[in-house]
Amino acid sequence: MLQRRVVDLQIVDGHPSARTEYRRHPKPEADWSQAPEGTTHVIRNPGSERVVWIKIADRFDAFWRWPGAKNWRPSTDIPSVILKNRSIEPRPSSSDTP
């Protein structure tokens, strides 16, 4: 996802002249120390302000949860569909976490 903005807007010979700049929306940070128990994945969508924790229970059941929420909610998609999302990342192995 790209963010577009116009920079250097000027009037040259009575006509507007501008340069367009593009930059990627940053992804929210995933603080795995704050992940609820059972979390297997996280969704970090560019431009979003928060992550979504994901729990894959088995081949047919997946759950999601906002940070700070108390309960897991059932997903409307099965895990194989969820895992195709480009913004989803697996939980790092214990050696990768600080």
C-alpha atoms as a PDB file:
ATOM      1  CA  MET A   1       0.000   0.000   0.000  1.00  0.00           C
ATOM      2  CA  LEU A   2       1.443   3.363  -1.000  1.00  0.00           C
ATOM      3  CA  GLN A   3       0.773   6.824   0.319  1.00  0.00           C
ATOM      4  CA  ARG A   4       0.761   9.592  -2.286  1.00  0.00           C
ATOM      5  CA  ARG A   5       1.467  13.254  -1.653  1.00  0.00           C
ATOM      6  CA  VAL A   6       2.105  16.286  -3.819  1.00  0.00           C
ATOM      7  CA  VAL A   7       5.275  18.246  -3.079  1.00  0.00           C
ATOM      8  CA  ASP A   8       6.915  21.326  -4.581  1.00  0.00           C
ATOM      9  CA  LEU A   9       3.684  22.822  -5.917  1.00  0.00           C
ATOM     10  CA  GLN A  10       4.575  25.899  -7.992  1.00  0.00           C
ATOM     11  CA  ILE A  11       3.034  28.058 -10.685  1.00  0.00           C
ATOM     12  CA  VAL A  12       5.261  28.131 -13.764  1.00  0.00           C
ATOM     13  CA  ASP A  13       4.183  30.337 -16.695  1.00  0.00           C
ATOM     14  CA  GLY A  14       0.647  30.385 -15.304  1.00  0.00           C
ATOM     15  CA  HIS A  15       0.417  26.586 -15.058  1.00  0.00           C
ATOM     16  CA  PRO A  16       0.666  24.498 -11.897  1.00  0.00           C
ATOM     17  CA  SER A  17       3.755  22.344 -11.618  1.00  0.00           C
ATOM     18  CA  ALA A  18       4.148  19.703  -8.945  1.00  0.00           C
ATOM     19  CA  ARG A  19       6.104  16.637  -8.063  1.00  0.00           C
ATOM     20  CA  THR A  20       4.370  13.574  -6.660  1.00  0.00           C
ATOM     21  CA  GLU A  21       6.058  11.537  -3.966  1.00  0.00           C
ATOM     22  CA  TYR A  22       5.133   7.997  -2.996  1.00  0.00           C
ATOM     23  CA  ARG A  23       6.074   6.084   0.142  1.00  0.00           C
ATOM     24  CA  ARG A  24       5.009   2.852   1.732  1.00  0.00           C
ATOM     25  CA  HIS A  25       2.708   2.923   4.727  1.00  0.00           C
ATOM     26  CA  PRO A  26       4.602   1.566   7.723  1.00  0.00           C
ATOM     27  CA  LYS A  27       3.458  -1.666   9.344  1.00  0.00           C
ATOM     28  CA  PRO A  28       2.556  -1.602  13.038  1.00  0.00           C
ATOM     29  CA  GLU A  29       5.087  -3.156  15.409  1.00  0.00           C
ATOM     30  CA  ALA A  30       4.284  -6.578  16.858  1.00  0.00           C
ATOM     31  CA  ASP A  31       5.429  -6.805  20.477  1.00  0.00           C
ATOM     32  CA  TRP A  32       5.413 -10.557  20.985  1.00  0.00           C
ATOM     33  CA  SER A  33       5.831 -10.149  24.741  1.00  0.00           C
ATOM     34  CA  GLN A  34       2.274  -8.707  24.694  1.00  0.00           C
ATOM     35  CA  ALA A  35       0.826 -11.538  22.581  1.00  0.00           C
ATOM     36  CA  PRO A  36      -1.957 -13.521  24.283  1.00  0.00           C
ATOM     37  CA  GLU A  37      -1.303 -17.140  25.176  1.00  0.00           C
ATOM     38  CA  GLY A  38      -1.893 -19.434  22.213  1.00  0.00           C
ATOM     39  CA  THR A  39      -1.021 -16.840  19.553  1.00  0.00           C
ATOM     40  CA  THR A  40       0.499 -18.511  16.494  1.00  0.00           C
ATOM     41  CA  HIS A  41       0.563 -15.618  13.997  1.00  0.00           C
ATOM     42  CA  VAL A  42       0.126 -11.872  13.706  1.00  0.00           C
ATOM     43  CA  ILE A  43      -1.353  -9.682  10.993  1.00  0.00           C
ATOM     44  CA  ARG A  44       0.545  -6.434  10.431  1.00  0.00           C
ATOM     45  CA  ASN A  45      -1.355  -4.504   7.751  1.00  0.00           C
ATOM     46  CA  PRO A  46       0.464  -1.471   6.313  1.00  0.00           C
ATOM     47  CA  GLY A  47      -1.261   1.738   7.371  1.00  0.00           C
ATOM     48  CA  SER A  48      -3.028   0.082  10.295  1.00  0.00           C
ATOM     49  CA  GLU A  49      -2.441   1.394  13.791  1.00  0.00           C
ATOM     50  CA  ARG A  50      -2.489  -1.990  15.499  1.00  0.00           C
ATOM     51  CA  VAL A  51      -1.784  -5.633  14.906  1.00  0.00           C
ATOM     52  CA  VAL A  52      -4.274  -8.499  14.984  1.00  0.00           C
ATOM     53  CA  TRP A  53      -3.254 -11.613  16.904  1.00  0.00           C
ATOM     54  CA  ILE A  54      -4.160 -14.936  15.265  1.00  0.00           C
ATOM     55  CA  LYS A  55      -4.553 -18.384  16.828  1.00  0.00           C
ATOM     56  CA  ILE A  56      -4.679 -21.357  14.479  1.00  0.00           C
ATOM     57  CA  ALA A  57      -6.303 -24.169  16.494  1.00  0.00           C
ATOM     58  CA  ASP A  58      -6.429 -26.884  13.822  1.00  0.00           C
ATOM     59  CA  ARG A  59      -7.066 -27.333  10.078  1.00  0.00           C
ATOM     60  CA  PHE A  60     -10.564 -25.907  10.317  1.00  0.00           C
ATOM     61  CA  ASP A  61     -10.569 -23.417  13.194  1.00  0.00           C
ATOM     62  CA  ALA A  62      -8.846 -20.076  13.546  1.00  0.00           C
ATOM     63  CA  PHE A  63      -9.417 -17.213  15.949  1.00  0.00           C
ATOM     64  CA  TRP A  64      -8.416 -13.529  16.043  1.00  0.00           C
ATOM     65  CA  ARG A  65      -7.991 -10.958  18.782  1.00  0.00           C
ATOM     66  CA  TRP A  66      -7.144  -7.254  19.030  1.00  0.00           C
ATOM     67  CA  PRO A  67      -4.382  -6.260  21.465  1.00  0.00           C
ATOM     68  CA  GLY A  68      -5.931  -5.623  24.862  1.00  0.00           C
ATOM     69  CA  ALA A  69      -9.099  -7.623  24.089  1.00  0.00           C
ATOM     70  CA  LYS A  70     -10.115 -10.311  26.563  1.00  0.00           C
ATOM     71  CA  ASN A  71     -11.577 -12.972  24.260  1.00  0.00           C
ATOM     72  CA  TRP A  72     -10.640 -14.751  21.051  1.00  0.00           C
ATOM     73  CA  ARG A  73     -13.218 -14.393  18.258  1.00  0.00           C
ATOM     74  CA  PRO A  74     -13.823 -17.122  15.675  1.00  0.00           C
ATOM     75  CA  SER A  75     -12.607 -16.295  12.198  1.00  0.00           C
ATOM     76  CA  THR A  76     -14.960 -16.474   9.247  1.00  0.00           C
ATOM     77  CA  ASP A  77     -12.110 -17.945   7.176  1.00  0.00           C
ATOM     78  CA  ILE A  78     -10.389 -21.292   7.546  1.00  0.00           C
ATOM     79  CA  PRO A  79      -6.658 -21.290   8.353  1.00  0.00           C
ATOM     80  CA  SER A  80      -5.549 -22.135   4.788  1.00  0.00           C
ATOM     81  CA  VAL A  81      -7.253 -18.951   3.543  1.00  0.00           C
ATOM     82  CA  ILE A  82      -5.920 -16.807   6.406  1.00  0.00           C
ATOM     83  CA  LEU A  83      -2.341 -17.933   5.837  1.00  0.00           C
ATOM     84  CA  LYS A  84      -2.456 -16.675   2.225  1.00  0.00           C
ATOM     85  CA  ASN A  85      -2.695 -13.085   3.508  1.00  0.00           C
ATOM     86  CA  ARG A  86       0.571 -11.305   2.656  1.00  0.00           C
ATOM     87  CA  SER A  87       0.487  -9.316   5.908  1.00  0.00           C
ATOM     88  CA  ILE A  88       0.437 -12.373   8.153  1.00  0.00           C
ATOM     89  CA  GLU A  89       3.604 -13.458   9.936  1.00  0.00           C
ATOM     90  CA  PRO A  90       4.229 -16.551  12.053  1.00  0.00           C
ATOM     91  CA  ARG A  91       5.276 -16.292  15.685  1.00  0.00           C
ATOM     92  CA  PRO A  92       9.077 -16.181  15.815  1.00  0.00           C
ATOM     93  CA  SER A  93      10.878 -19.098  17.398  1.00  0.00           C
ATOM     94  CA  SER A  94      11.839 -18.572  21.039  1.00  0.00           C
ATOM     95  CA  SER A  95      15.478 -17.915  20.014  1.00  0.00           C
ATOM     96  CA  ASP A  96      14.354 -14.947  17.854  1.00  0.00           C
ATOM     97  CA  THR A  97      12.488 -13.112  20.609  1.00  0.00           C
ATOM     98  CA  PRO A  98      14.387 -10.748  22.922  1.00  0.00           C
END
